[in-house]
Amino acid sequence: MNAYLTAAMFTITGFAFIASTLLISRILRPSAPNPDKLETYECGPLPVGDAWRQFNLHYYLFALVFVVFDVEAAFLYPWAVAFKLEGPYAVAEMLIFVALLLAGWAYAWKRGALEWE
């Protein structure tokens, strides 16, 4: 029961910190709204037309492939740090991980997600 109490206290403290930070920032920030600041784009050309436009699906797929490989880079660092501690087990795990990522990359390449038209 003590472990649950500790977790609950950390959760409550976290939510209290977030709420107090948002409240303090709302009190201390300057507020001078005007029509120019309430525009969709504060600078640059004025938006024209409907916001619900269709866009090329390749942008979405390319972003997903980027996220996959970005996550791979995030997982490679802890593996490199623990490499000497774990030995062959860590190497086997990383080979499986990289093989799965390469399979995903090959699938994306086959489907044409990496090609710009």
PDB file of N, CA and C in Angstrom:
ATOM      1  N   MET A   1       0.824  -1.195   0.000  1.00  0.00           N
ATOM      2  CA  MET A   1       0.000   0.000   0.000  1.00  0.00           C
ATOM      3  C   MET A   1       0.864   1.255   0.000  1.00  0.00           C
ATOM      4  N   ASN A   2       2.031   1.152   0.628  1.00  0.00           N
ATOM      5  CA  ASN A   2       2.929   2.304   0.698  1.00  0.00           C
ATOM      6  C   ASN A   2       3.429   2.696  -0.689  1.00  0.00           C
ATOM      7  N   ALA A   3       3.654   1.711  -1.563  1.00  0.00           N
ATOM      8  CA  ALA A   3       4.116   2.007  -2.919  1.00  0.00           C
ATOM      9  C   ALA A   3       3.042   2.779  -3.693  1.00  0.00           C
ATOM     10  N   TYR A   4       1.781   2.407  -3.505  1.00  0.00           N
ATOM     11  CA  TYR A   4       0.704   3.124  -4.177  1.00  0.00           C
ATOM     12  C   TYR A   4       0.582   4.549  -3.655  1.00  0.00           C
ATOM     13  N   LEU A   5       0.777   4.728  -2.365  1.00  0.00           N
ATOM     14  CA  LEU A   5       0.722   6.067  -1.774  1.00  0.00           C
ATOM     15  C   LEU A   5       1.833   6.945  -2.336  1.00  0.00           C
ATOM     16  N   THR A   6       3.020   6.374  -2.495  1.00  0.00           N
ATOM     17  CA  THR A   6       4.136   7.134  -3.060  1.00  0.00           C
ATOM     18  C   THR A   6       3.840   7.530  -4.501  1.00  0.00           C
ATOM     19  N   ALA A   7       3.328   6.597  -5.293  1.00  0.00           N
ATOM     20  CA  ALA A   7       2.988   6.901  -6.680  1.00  0.00           C
ATOM     21  C   ALA A   7       1.886   7.948  -6.757  1.00  0.00           C
ATOM     22  N   ALA A   8       0.890   7.858  -5.882  1.00  0.00           N
ATOM     23  CA  ALA A   8      -0.199   8.835  -5.864  1.00  0.00           C
ATOM     24  C   ALA A   8       0.318  10.218  -5.495  1.00  0.00           C
ATOM     25  N   MET A   9       1.227  10.290  -4.545  1.00  0.00           N
ATOM     26  CA  MET A   9       1.785  11.582  -4.138  1.00  0.00           C
ATOM     27  C   MET A   9       2.593  12.210  -5.273  1.00  0.00           C
ATOM     28  N   PHE A  10       3.369  11.394  -5.989  1.00  0.00           N
ATOM     29  CA  PHE A  10       4.111  11.928  -7.128  1.00  0.00           C
ATOM     30  C   PHE A  10       3.159  12.419  -8.213  1.00  0.00           C
ATOM     31  N   THR A  11       2.079  11.698  -8.446  1.00  0.00           N
ATOM     32  CA  THR A  11       1.103  12.102  -9.451  1.00  0.00           C
ATOM     33  C   THR A  11       0.435  13.408  -9.061  1.00  0.00           C
ATOM     34  N   ILE A  12       0.006  13.505  -7.819  1.00  0.00           N
ATOM     35  CA  ILE A  12      -0.638  14.725  -7.338  1.00  0.00           C
ATOM     36  C   ILE A  12       0.330  15.896  -7.389  1.00  0.00           C
ATOM     37  N   THR A  13       1.570  15.672  -6.989  1.00  0.00           N
ATOM     38  CA  THR A  13       2.578  16.733  -7.032  1.00  0.00           C
ATOM     39  C   THR A  13       2.825  17.175  -8.471  1.00  0.00           C
ATOM     40  N   GLY A  14       2.873  16.240  -9.395  1.00  0.00           N
ATOM     41  CA  GLY A  14       3.070  16.580 -10.804  1.00  0.00           C
ATOM     42  C   GLY A  14       1.931  17.424 -11.347  1.00  0.00           C
ATOM     43  N   PHE A  15       0.698  17.006 -11.074  1.00  0.00           N
ATOM     44  CA  PHE A  15      -0.442  17.784 -11.543  1.00  0.00           C
ATOM     45  C   PHE A  15      -0.489  19.161 -10.873  1.00  0.00           C
ATOM     46  N   ALA A  16      -0.153  19.238  -9.606  1.00  0.00           N
ATOM     47  CA  ALA A  16      -0.132  20.531  -8.909  1.00  0.00           C
ATOM     48  C   ALA A  16       0.937  21.440  -9.498  1.00  0.00           C
ATOM     49  N   PHE A  17       2.088  20.883  -9.839  1.00  0.00           N
ATOM     50  CA  PHE A  17       3.155  21.686 -10.443  1.00  0.00           C
ATOM     51  C   PHE A  17       2.713  22.228 -11.801  1.00  0.00           C
ATOM     52  N   ILE A  18       2.091  21.396 -12.608  1.00  0.00           N
ATOM     53  CA  ILE A  18       1.627  21.837 -13.926  1.00  0.00           C
ATOM     54  C   ILE A  18       0.560  22.913 -13.777  1.00  0.00           C
ATOM     55  N   ALA A  19      -0.408  22.693 -12.882  1.00  0.00           N
ATOM     56  CA  ALA A  19      -1.479  23.669 -12.691  1.00  0.00           C
ATOM     57  C   ALA A  19      -0.942  25.001 -12.176  1.00  0.00           C
ATOM     58  N   SER A  20      -0.023  24.945 -11.220  1.00  0.00           N
ATOM     59  CA  SER A  20       0.523  26.198 -10.677  1.00  0.00           C
ATOM     60  C   SER A  20       1.371  26.925 -11.717  1.00  0.00           C
ATOM     61  N   THR A  21       2.111  26.207 -12.526  1.00  0.00           N
ATOM     62  CA  THR A  21       2.911  26.846 -13.570  1.00  0.00           C
ATOM     63  C   THR A  21       2.019  27.530 -14.598  1.00  0.00           C
ATOM     64  N   LEU A  22       0.951  26.859 -15.019  1.00  0.00           N
ATOM     65  CA  LEU A  22       0.026  27.473 -15.970  1.00  0.00           C
ATOM     66  C   LEU A  22      -0.669  28.694 -15.372  1.00  0.00           C
ATOM     67  N   LEU A  23      -1.055  28.621 -14.103  1.00  0.00           N
ATOM     68  CA  LEU A  23      -1.712  29.740 -13.447  1.00  0.00           C
ATOM     69  C   LEU A  23      -0.764  30.933 -13.304  1.00  0.00           C
ATOM     70  N   ILE A  24       0.452  30.687 -12.892  1.00  0.00           N
ATOM     71  CA  ILE A  24       1.424  31.771 -12.737  1.00  0.00           C
ATOM     72  C   ILE A  24       1.747  32.406 -14.087  1.00  0.00           C
ATOM     73  N   SER A  25       1.882  31.594 -15.118  1.00  0.00           N
ATOM     74  CA  SER A  25       2.174  32.160 -16.442  1.00  0.00           C
ATOM     75  C   SER A  25       1.005  32.993 -16.959  1.00  0.00           C
ATOM     76  N   ARG A  26      -0.230  32.585 -16.653  1.00  0.00           N
ATOM     77  CA  ARG A  26      -1.387  33.372 -17.074  1.00  0.00           C
ATOM     78  C   ARG A  26      -1.444  34.707 -16.328  1.00  0.00           C
ATOM     79  N   ILE A  27      -1.052  34.719 -15.065  1.00  0.00           N
ATOM     80  CA  ILE A  27      -1.083  35.954 -14.283  1.00  0.00           C
ATOM     81  C   ILE A  27       0.023  36.908 -14.712  1.00  0.00           C
ATOM     82  N   LEU A  28       1.221  36.387 -14.984  1.00  0.00           N
ATOM     83  CA  LEU A  28       2.380  37.237 -15.244  1.00  0.00           C
ATOM     84  C   LEU A  28       2.570  37.648 -16.702  1.00  0.00           C
ATOM     85  N   ARG A  29       1.963  36.961 -17.644  1.00  0.00           N
ATOM     86  CA  ARG A  29       2.221  37.271 -19.048  1.00  0.00           C
ATOM     87  C   ARG A  29       1.505  38.556 -19.461  1.00  0.00           C
ATOM     88  N   PRO A  30       2.106  39.279 -20.407  1.00  0.00           N
ATOM     89  CA  PRO A  30       1.414  40.469 -20.916  1.00  0.00           C
ATOM     90  C   PRO A  30       0.273  40.052 -21.841  1.00  0.00           C
ATOM     91  N   SER A  31      -0.795  40.812 -21.801  1.00  0.00           N
ATOM     92  CA  SER A  31      -1.941  40.505 -22.642  1.00  0.00           C
ATOM     93  C   SER A  31      -2.370  41.774 -23.371  1.00  0.00           C
ATOM     94  N   ALA A  32      -2.143  41.790 -24.679  1.00  0.00           N
ATOM     95  CA  ALA A  32      -2.540  42.933 -25.508  1.00  0.00           C
ATOM     96  C   ALA A  32      -3.106  42.405 -26.823  1.00  0.00           C
ATOM     97  N   PRO A  33      -4.291  41.775 -26.769  1.00  0.00           N
ATOM     98  CA  PRO A  33      -4.834  41.233 -28.020  1.00  0.00           C
ATOM     99  C   PRO A  33      -5.290  42.338 -28.965  1.00  0.00           C
ATOM    100  N   ASN A  34      -5.050  42.124 -30.229  1.00  0.00           N
ATOM    101  CA  ASN A  34      -5.581  43.012 -31.260  1.00  0.00           C
ATOM    102  C   ASN A  34      -5.913  42.148 -32.481  1.00  0.00           C
ATOM    103  N   PRO A  35      -6.620  42.684 -33.458  1.00  0.00           N
ATOM    104  CA  PRO A  35      -7.036  41.855 -34.598  1.00  0.00           C
ATOM    105  C   PRO A  35      -5.867  41.218 -35.355  1.00  0.00           C
ATOM    106  N   ASP A  36      -4.741  41.917 -35.418  1.00  0.00           N
ATOM    107  CA  ASP A  36      -3.601  41.340 -36.137  1.00  0.00           C
ATOM    108  C   ASP A  36      -3.053  40.114 -35.422  1.00  0.00           C
ATOM    109  N   LYS A  37      -3.001  40.152 -34.120  1.00  0.00           N
ATOM    110  CA  LYS A  37      -2.481  39.013 -33.356  1.00  0.00           C
ATOM    111  C   LYS A  37      -3.451  37.847 -33.331  1.00  0.00           C
ATOM    112  N   LEU A  38      -4.714  38.101 -33.579  1.00  0.00           N
ATOM    113  CA  LEU A  38      -5.699  37.035 -33.572  1.00  0.00           C
ATOM    114  C   LEU A  38      -5.836  36.352 -34.932  1.00  0.00           C
ATOM    115  N   GLU A  39      -5.066  36.797 -35.919  1.00  0.00           N
ATOM    116  CA  GLU A  39      -5.059  36.147 -37.226  1.00  0.00           C
ATOM    117  C   GLU A  39      -4.447  34.757 -37.113  1.00  0.00           C
ATOM    118  N   THR A  40      -4.741  33.915 -38.088  1.00  0.00           N
ATOM    119  CA  THR A  40      -4.165  32.575 -38.108  1.00  0.00           C
ATOM    120  C   THR A  40      -2.652  32.652 -38.221  1.00  0.00           C
ATOM    121  N   TYR A  41      -2.170  33.518 -39.105  1.00  0.00           N
ATOM    122  CA  TYR A  41      -0.733  33.730 -39.266  1.00  0.00           C
ATOM    123  C   TYR A  41      -0.463  35.176 -38.901  1.00  0.00           C
ATOM    124  N   GLU A  42       0.386  35.392 -37.888  1.00  0.00           N
ATOM    125  CA  GLU A  42       0.652  36.747 -37.429  1.00  0.00           C
ATOM    126  C   GLU A  42       1.465  37.526 -38.456  1.00  0.00           C
ATOM    127  N   CYS A  43       2.262  36.827 -39.248  1.00  0.00           N
ATOM    128  CA  CYS A  43       3.031  37.501 -40.276  1.00  0.00           C
ATOM    129  C   CYS A  43       2.940  36.695 -41.563  1.00  0.00           C
ATOM    130  N   GLY A  44       3.327  37.301 -42.656  1.00  0.00           N
ATOM    131  CA  GLY A  44       3.274  36.601 -43.926  1.00  0.00           C
ATOM    132  C   GLY A  44       1.975  36.881 -44.648  1.00  0.00           C
ATOM    133  N   PRO A  45       1.748  36.154 -45.732  1.00  0.00           N
ATOM    134  CA  PRO A  45       0.528  36.414 -46.525  1.00  0.00           C
ATOM    135  C   PRO A  45      -0.726  35.966 -45.780  1.00  0.00           C
ATOM    136  N   LEU A  46      -1.814  36.605 -46.091  1.00  0.00           N
ATOM    137  CA  LEU A  46      -3.095  36.241 -45.489  1.00  0.00           C
ATOM    138  C   LEU A  46      -3.555  34.899 -46.030  1.00  0.00           C
ATOM    139  N   PRO A  47      -4.145  34.061 -45.181  1.00  0.00           N
ATOM    140  CA  PRO A  47      -4.635  32.775 -45.669  1.00  0.00           C
ATOM    141  C   PRO A  47      -5.815  32.972 -46.613  1.00  0.00           C
ATOM    142  N   VAL A  48      -5.811  32.179 -47.699  1.00  0.00           N
ATOM    143  CA  VAL A  48      -6.866  32.277 -48.698  1.00  0.00           C
ATOM    144  C   VAL A  48      -7.464  30.895 -48.883  1.00  0.00           C
ATOM    145  N   GLY A  49      -8.764  30.812 -48.914  1.00  0.00           N
ATOM    146  CA  GLY A  49      -9.421  29.544 -49.181  1.00  0.00           C
ATOM    147  C   GLY A  49      -9.730  28.766 -47.918  1.00  0.00           C
ATOM    148  N   ASP A  50     -10.150  27.538 -48.139  1.00  0.00           N
ATOM    149  CA  ASP A  50     -10.557  26.662 -47.057  1.00  0.00           C
ATOM    150  C   ASP A  50      -9.335  26.002 -46.420  1.00  0.00           C
ATOM    151  N   ALA A  51      -9.379  25.815 -45.117  1.00  0.00           N
ATOM    152  CA  ALA A  51      -8.265  25.173 -44.418  1.00  0.00           C
ATOM    153  C   ALA A  51      -8.259  23.662 -44.609  1.00  0.00           C
ATOM    154  N   TRP A  52      -9.368  23.088 -45.034  1.00  0.00           N
ATOM    155  CA  TRP A  52      -9.470  21.636 -45.199  1.00  0.00           C
ATOM    156  C   TRP A  52      -9.086  21.241 -46.624  1.00  0.00           C
ATOM    157  N   ARG A  53      -7.817  21.350 -46.918  1.00  0.00           N
ATOM    158  CA  ARG A  53      -7.329  20.960 -48.237  1.00  0.00           C
ATOM    159  C   ARG A  53      -6.749  19.558 -48.176  1.00  0.00           C
ATOM    160  N   GLN A  54      -6.809  18.886 -49.298  1.00  0.00           N
ATOM    161  CA  GLN A  54      -6.161  17.592 -49.374  1.00  0.00           C
ATOM    162  C   GLN A  54      -4.676  17.810 -49.612  1.00  0.00           C
ATOM    163  N   PHE A  55      -3.870  16.935 -49.039  1.00  0.00           N
ATOM    164  CA  PHE A  55      -2.436  17.014 -49.281  1.00  0.00           C
ATOM    165  C   PHE A  55      -1.930  15.631 -49.647  1.00  0.00           C
ATOM    166  N   ASN A  56      -0.774  15.620 -50.223  1.00  0.00           N
ATOM    167  CA  ASN A  56      -0.198  14.380 -50.709  1.00  0.00           C
ATOM    168  C   ASN A  56       0.085  13.438 -49.542  1.00  0.00           C
ATOM    169  N   LEU A  57      -0.345  12.204 -49.649  1.00  0.00           N
ATOM    170  CA  LEU A  57      -0.171  11.225 -48.590  1.00  0.00           C
ATOM    171  C   LEU A  57       1.297  10.886 -48.360  1.00  0.00           C
ATOM    172  N   HIS A  58       2.143  11.109 -49.354  1.00  0.00           N
ATOM    173  CA  HIS A  58       3.561  10.800 -49.201  1.00  0.00           C
ATOM    174  C   HIS A  58       4.202  11.620 -48.084  1.00  0.00           C
ATOM    175  N   TYR A  59       3.720  12.827 -47.831  1.00  0.00           N
ATOM    176  CA  TYR A  59       4.268  13.630 -46.739  1.00  0.00           C
ATOM    177  C   TYR A  59       4.036  12.929 -45.405  1.00  0.00           C
ATOM    178  N   TYR A  60       2.859  12.381 -45.227  1.00  0.00           N
ATOM    179  CA  TYR A  60       2.510  11.676 -44.001  1.00  0.00           C
ATOM    180  C   TYR A  60       3.365  10.422 -43.846  1.00  0.00           C
ATOM    181  N   LEU A  61       3.500   9.648 -44.913  1.00  0.00           N
ATOM    182  CA  LEU A  61       4.304   8.436 -44.849  1.00  0.00           C
ATOM    183  C   LEU A  61       5.770   8.748 -44.603  1.00  0.00           C
ATOM    184  N   PHE A  62       6.258   9.794 -45.229  1.00  0.00           N
ATOM    185  CA  PHE A  62       7.646  10.198 -45.023  1.00  0.00           C
ATOM    186  C   PHE A  62       7.866  10.610 -43.568  1.00  0.00           C
ATOM    187  N   ALA A  63       6.896  11.305 -42.973  1.00  0.00           N
ATOM    188  CA  ALA A  63       7.002  11.700 -41.565  1.00  0.00           C
ATOM    189  C   ALA A  63       7.012  10.473 -40.658  1.00  0.00           C
ATOM    190  N   LEU A  64       6.198   9.470 -40.967  1.00  0.00           N
ATOM    191  CA  LEU A  64       6.189   8.249 -40.166  1.00  0.00           C
ATOM    192  C   LEU A  64       7.517   7.509 -40.247  1.00  0.00           C
ATOM    193  N   VAL A  65       8.096   7.457 -41.446  1.00  0.00           N
ATOM    194  CA  VAL A  65       9.396   6.799 -41.598  1.00  0.00           C
ATOM    195  C   VAL A  65      10.457   7.568 -40.809  1.00  0.00           C
ATOM    196  N   PHE A  66      10.389   8.898 -40.838  1.00  0.00           N
ATOM    197  CA  PHE A  66      11.327   9.702 -40.050  1.00  0.00           C
ATOM    198  C   PHE A  66      11.194   9.394 -38.565  1.00  0.00           C
ATOM    199  N   VAL A  67       9.968   9.320 -38.074  1.00  0.00           N
ATOM    200  CA  VAL A  67       9.754   9.034 -36.651  1.00  0.00           C
ATOM    201  C   VAL A  67      10.319   7.667 -36.285  1.00  0.00           C
ATOM    202  N   VAL A  68      10.128   6.675 -37.149  1.00  0.00           N
ATOM    203  CA  VAL A  68      10.652   5.336 -36.874  1.00  0.00           C
ATOM    204  C   VAL A  68      12.166   5.380 -36.715  1.00  0.00           C
ATOM    205  N   PHE A  69      12.851   6.047 -37.624  1.00  0.00           N
ATOM    206  CA  PHE A  69      14.307   6.070 -37.557  1.00  0.00           C
ATOM    207  C   PHE A  69      14.806   7.023 -36.473  1.00  0.00           C
ATOM    208  N   ASP A  70      14.023   8.016 -36.123  1.00  0.00           N
ATOM    209  CA  ASP A  70      14.380   8.882 -35.006  1.00  0.00           C
ATOM    210  C   ASP A  70      14.293   8.105 -33.699  1.00  0.00           C
ATOM    211  N   VAL A  71      13.276   7.284 -33.555  1.00  0.00           N
ATOM    212  CA  VAL A  71      13.136   6.438 -32.373  1.00  0.00           C
ATOM    213  C   VAL A  71      14.274   5.426 -32.320  1.00  0.00           C
ATOM    214  N   GLU A  72      14.674   4.931 -33.485  1.00  0.00           N
ATOM    215  CA  GLU A  72      15.805   4.000 -33.514  1.00  0.00           C
ATOM    216  C   GLU A  72      17.049   4.659 -32.939  1.00  0.00           C
ATOM    217  N   ALA A  73      17.302   5.887 -33.326  1.00  0.00           N
ATOM    218  CA  ALA A  73      18.473   6.592 -32.817  1.00  0.00           C
ATOM    219  C   ALA A  73      18.371   6.784 -31.302  1.00  0.00           C
ATOM    220  N   ALA A  74      17.160   7.020 -30.808  1.00  0.00           N
ATOM    221  CA  ALA A  74      16.980   7.188 -29.363  1.00  0.00           C
ATOM    222  C   ALA A  74      17.241   5.886 -28.608  1.00  0.00           C
ATOM    223  N   PHE A  75      16.951   4.741 -29.221  1.00  0.00           N
ATOM    224  CA  PHE A  75      17.188   3.462 -28.560  1.00  0.00           C
ATOM    225  C   PHE A  75      18.619   2.966 -28.720  1.00  0.00           C
ATOM    226  N   LEU A  76      19.336   3.468 -29.711  1.00  0.00           N
ATOM    227  CA  LEU A  76      20.710   3.024 -29.909  1.00  0.00           C
ATOM    228  C   LEU A  76      21.645   3.564 -28.828  1.00  0.00           C
ATOM    229  N   TYR A  77      21.383   4.752 -28.310  1.00  0.00           N
ATOM    230  CA  TYR A  77      22.273   5.336 -27.316  1.00  0.00           C
ATOM    231  C   TYR A  77      22.319   4.524 -26.015  1.00  0.00           C
ATOM    232  N   PRO A  78      21.174   4.190 -25.406  1.00  0.00           N
ATOM    233  CA  PRO A  78      21.258   3.380 -24.182  1.00  0.00           C
ATOM    234  C   PRO A  78      21.880   2.010 -24.433  1.00  0.00           C
ATOM    235  N   TRP A  79      21.652   1.471 -25.616  1.00  0.00           N
ATOM    236  CA  TRP A  79      22.268   0.191 -25.945  1.00  0.00           C
ATOM    237  C   TRP A  79      23.786   0.326 -25.985  1.00  0.00           C
ATOM    238  N   ALA A  80      24.256   1.408 -26.579  1.00  0.00           N
ATOM    239  CA  ALA A  80      25.702   1.615 -26.669  1.00  0.00           C
ATOM    240  C   ALA A  80      26.315   1.811 -25.284  1.00  0.00           C
ATOM    241  N   VAL A  81      25.578   2.443 -24.385  1.00  0.00           N
ATOM    242  CA  VAL A  81      26.092   2.652 -23.026  1.00  0.00           C
ATOM    243  C   VAL A  81      26.162   1.331 -22.272  1.00  0.00           C
ATOM    244  N   ALA A  82      25.154   0.463 -22.449  1.00  0.00           N
ATOM    245  CA  ALA A  82      25.093  -0.798 -21.710  1.00  0.00           C
ATOM    246  C   ALA A  82      25.741  -1.958 -22.458  1.00  0.00           C
ATOM    247  N   PHE A  83      26.379  -1.678 -23.586  1.00  0.00           N
ATOM    248  CA  PHE A  83      26.921  -2.735 -24.422  1.00  0.00           C
ATOM    249  C   PHE A  83      27.927  -3.612 -23.680  1.00  0.00           C
ATOM    250  N   LYS A  84      28.858  -2.994 -22.978  1.00  0.00           N
ATOM    251  CA  LYS A  84      29.899  -3.772 -22.295  1.00  0.00           C
ATOM    252  C   LYS A  84      29.350  -4.525 -21.085  1.00  0.00           C
ATOM    253  N   LEU A  85      28.287  -4.020 -20.496  1.00  0.00           N
ATOM    254  CA  LEU A  85      27.720  -4.679 -19.319  1.00  0.00           C
ATOM    255  C   LEU A  85      26.938  -5.938 -19.682  1.00  0.00           C
ATOM    256  N   GLU A  86      26.257  -5.912 -20.795  1.00  0.00           N
ATOM    257  CA  GLU A  86      25.362  -7.014 -21.162  1.00  0.00           C
ATOM    258  C   GLU A  86      26.028  -8.078 -22.023  1.00  0.00           C
ATOM    259  N   GLY A  87      26.964  -7.683 -22.858  1.00  0.00           N
ATOM    260  CA  GLY A  87      27.691  -8.646 -23.675  1.00  0.00           C
ATOM    261  C   GLY A  87      26.893  -9.166 -24.854  1.00  0.00           C
ATOM    262  N   PRO A  88      26.986 -10.483 -25.137  1.00  0.00           N
ATOM    263  CA  PRO A  88      26.356 -11.054 -26.340  1.00  0.00           C
ATOM    264  C   PRO A  88      24.829 -10.928 -26.351  1.00  0.00           C
ATOM    265  N   TYR A  89      24.215 -10.898 -25.184  1.00  0.00           N
ATOM    266  CA  TYR A  89      22.758 -10.759 -25.114  1.00  0.00           C
ATOM    267  C   TYR A  89      22.330  -9.420 -25.711  1.00  0.00           C
ATOM    268  N   ALA A  90      23.067  -8.361 -25.397  1.00  0.00           N
ATOM    269  CA  ALA A  90      22.741  -7.036 -25.928  1.00  0.00           C
ATOM    270  C   ALA A  90      22.957  -6.984 -27.433  1.00  0.00           C
ATOM    271  N   VAL A  91      23.988  -7.642 -27.907  1.00  0.00           N
ATOM    272  CA  VAL A  91      24.243  -7.662 -29.348  1.00  0.00           C
ATOM    273  C   VAL A  91      23.105  -8.382 -30.079  1.00  0.00           C
ATOM    274  N   ALA A  92      22.650  -9.503 -29.546  1.00  0.00           N
ATOM    275  CA  ALA A  92      21.554 -10.245 -30.169  1.00  0.00           C
ATOM    276  C   ALA A  92      20.274  -9.415 -30.188  1.00  0.00           C
ATOM    277  N   GLU A  93      19.989  -8.753 -29.086  1.00  0.00           N
ATOM    278  CA  GLU A  93      18.789  -7.908 -29.035  1.00  0.00           C
ATOM    279  C   GLU A  93      18.874  -6.780 -30.048  1.00  0.00           C
ATOM    280  N   MET A  94      20.034  -6.145 -30.165  1.00  0.00           N
ATOM    281  CA  MET A  94      20.167  -5.031 -31.094  1.00  0.00           C
ATOM    282  C   MET A  94      20.103  -5.522 -32.534  1.00  0.00           C
ATOM    283  N   LEU A  95      20.638  -6.689 -32.820  1.00  0.00           N
ATOM    284  CA  LEU A  95      20.539  -7.220 -34.174  1.00  0.00           C
ATOM    285  C   LEU A  95      19.082  -7.487 -34.556  1.00  0.00           C
ATOM    286  N   ILE A  96      18.296  -7.998 -33.626  1.00  0.00           N
ATOM    287  CA  ILE A  96      16.871  -8.223 -33.879  1.00  0.00           C
ATOM    288  C   ILE A  96      16.163  -6.885 -34.096  1.00  0.00           C
ATOM    289  N   PHE A  97      16.476  -5.908 -33.265  1.00  0.00           N
ATOM    290  CA  PHE A  97      15.867  -4.583 -33.363  1.00  0.00           C
ATOM    291  C   PHE A  97      16.194  -3.929 -34.702  1.00  0.00           C
ATOM    292  N   VAL A  98      17.447  -3.949 -35.092  1.00  0.00           N
ATOM    293  CA  VAL A  98      17.860  -3.346 -36.355  1.00  0.00           C
ATOM    294  C   VAL A  98      17.270  -4.124 -37.536  1.00  0.00           C
ATOM    295  N   ALA A  99      17.179  -5.443 -37.430  1.00  0.00           N
ATOM    296  CA  ALA A  99      16.573  -6.230 -38.502  1.00  0.00           C
ATOM    297  C   ALA A  99      15.100  -5.855 -38.693  1.00  0.00           C
ATOM    298  N   LEU A 100      14.385  -5.653 -37.609  1.00  0.00           N
ATOM    299  CA  LEU A 100      12.985  -5.237 -37.726  1.00  0.00           C
ATOM    300  C   LEU A 100      12.871  -3.850 -38.354  1.00  0.00           C
ATOM    301  N   LEU A 101      13.763  -2.952 -37.966  1.00  0.00           N
ATOM    302  CA  LEU A 101      13.741  -1.616 -38.556  1.00  0.00           C
ATOM    303  C   LEU A 101      14.098  -1.662 -40.043  1.00  0.00           C
ATOM    304  N   LEU A 102      15.058  -2.485 -40.399  1.00  0.00           N
ATOM    305  CA  LEU A 102      15.407  -2.624 -41.815  1.00  0.00           C
ATOM    306  C   LEU A 102      14.257  -3.235 -42.611  1.00  0.00           C
ATOM    307  N   ALA A 103      13.535  -4.152 -42.011  1.00  0.00           N
ATOM    308  CA  ALA A 103      12.362  -4.716 -42.680  1.00  0.00           C
ATOM    309  C   ALA A 103      11.307  -3.628 -42.906  1.00  0.00           C
ATOM    310  N   GLY A 104      11.094  -2.773 -41.907  1.00  0.00           N
ATOM    311  CA  GLY A 104      10.156  -1.656 -42.067  1.00  0.00           C
ATOM    312  C   GLY A 104      10.617  -0.671 -43.120  1.00  0.00           C
ATOM    313  N   TRP A 105      11.915  -0.406 -43.160  1.00  0.00           N
ATOM    314  CA  TRP A 105      12.464   0.494 -44.166  1.00  0.00           C
ATOM    315  C   TRP A 105      12.295  -0.095 -45.562  1.00  0.00           C
ATOM    316  N   ALA A 106      12.566  -1.392 -45.714  1.00  0.00           N
ATOM    317  CA  ALA A 106      12.411  -2.042 -47.008  1.00  0.00           C
ATOM    318  C   ALA A 106      10.948  -2.018 -47.449  1.00  0.00           C
ATOM    319  N   TYR A 107      10.034  -2.218 -46.518  1.00  0.00           N
ATOM    320  CA  TYR A 107       8.610  -2.171 -46.845  1.00  0.00           C
ATOM    321  C   TYR A 107       8.212  -0.767 -47.313  1.00  0.00           C
ATOM    322  N   ALA A 108       8.696   0.262 -46.581  1.00  0.00           N
ATOM    323  CA  ALA A 108       8.382   1.642 -46.963  1.00  0.00           C
ATOM    324  C   ALA A 108       8.975   1.969 -48.328  1.00  0.00           C
ATOM    325  N   TRP A 109      10.168   1.484 -48.592  1.00  0.00           N
ATOM    326  CA  TRP A 109      10.810   1.726 -49.873  1.00  0.00           C
ATOM    327  C   TRP A 109      10.022   1.033 -50.996  1.00  0.00           C
ATOM    328  N   LYS A 110       9.606  -0.206 -50.741  1.00  0.00           N
ATOM    329  CA  LYS A 110       8.840  -0.958 -51.740  1.00  0.00           C
ATOM    330  C   LYS A 110       7.515  -0.271 -52.043  1.00  0.00           C
ATOM    331  N   ARG A 111       6.882   0.274 -51.017  1.00  0.00           N
ATOM    332  CA  ARG A 111       5.591   0.936 -51.202  1.00  0.00           C
ATOM    333  C   ARG A 111       5.725   2.330 -51.810  1.00  0.00           C
ATOM    334  N   GLY A 112       6.962   2.854 -51.923  1.00  0.00           N
ATOM    335  CA  GLY A 112       7.185   4.165 -52.525  1.00  0.00           C
ATOM    336  C   GLY A 112       7.041   5.313 -51.554  1.00  0.00           C
ATOM    337  N   ALA A 113       7.132   5.044 -50.257  1.00  0.00           N
ATOM    338  CA  ALA A 113       6.972   6.103 -49.264  1.00  0.00           C
ATOM    339  C   ALA A 113       8.171   7.043 -49.234  1.00  0.00           C
ATOM    340  N   LEU A 114       9.289   6.648 -49.796  1.00  0.00           N
ATOM    341  CA  LEU A 114      10.492   7.465 -49.757  1.00  0.00           C
ATOM    342  C   LEU A 114      10.717   8.246 -51.049  1.00  0.00           C
ATOM    343  N   GLU A 115       9.788   8.184 -51.971  1.00  0.00           N
ATOM    344  CA  GLU A 115       9.925   8.866 -53.247  1.00  0.00           C
ATOM    345  C   GLU A 115       9.039  10.109 -53.287  1.00  0.00           C
ATOM    346  N   TRP A 116       9.607  11.219 -53.751  1.00  0.00           N
ATOM    347  CA  TRP A 116       8.855  12.462 -53.902  1.00  0.00           C
ATOM    348  C   TRP A 116       8.390  12.563 -55.337  1.00  0.00           C
ATOM    349  N   GLU A 117       7.154  12.902 -55.508  1.00  0.00           N
ATOM    350  CA  GLU A 117       6.618  13.025 -56.877  1.00  0.00           C
ATOM    351  C   GLU A 117       6.366  14.453 -57.233  1.00  0.00           C
TER     352      GLU A 117
END
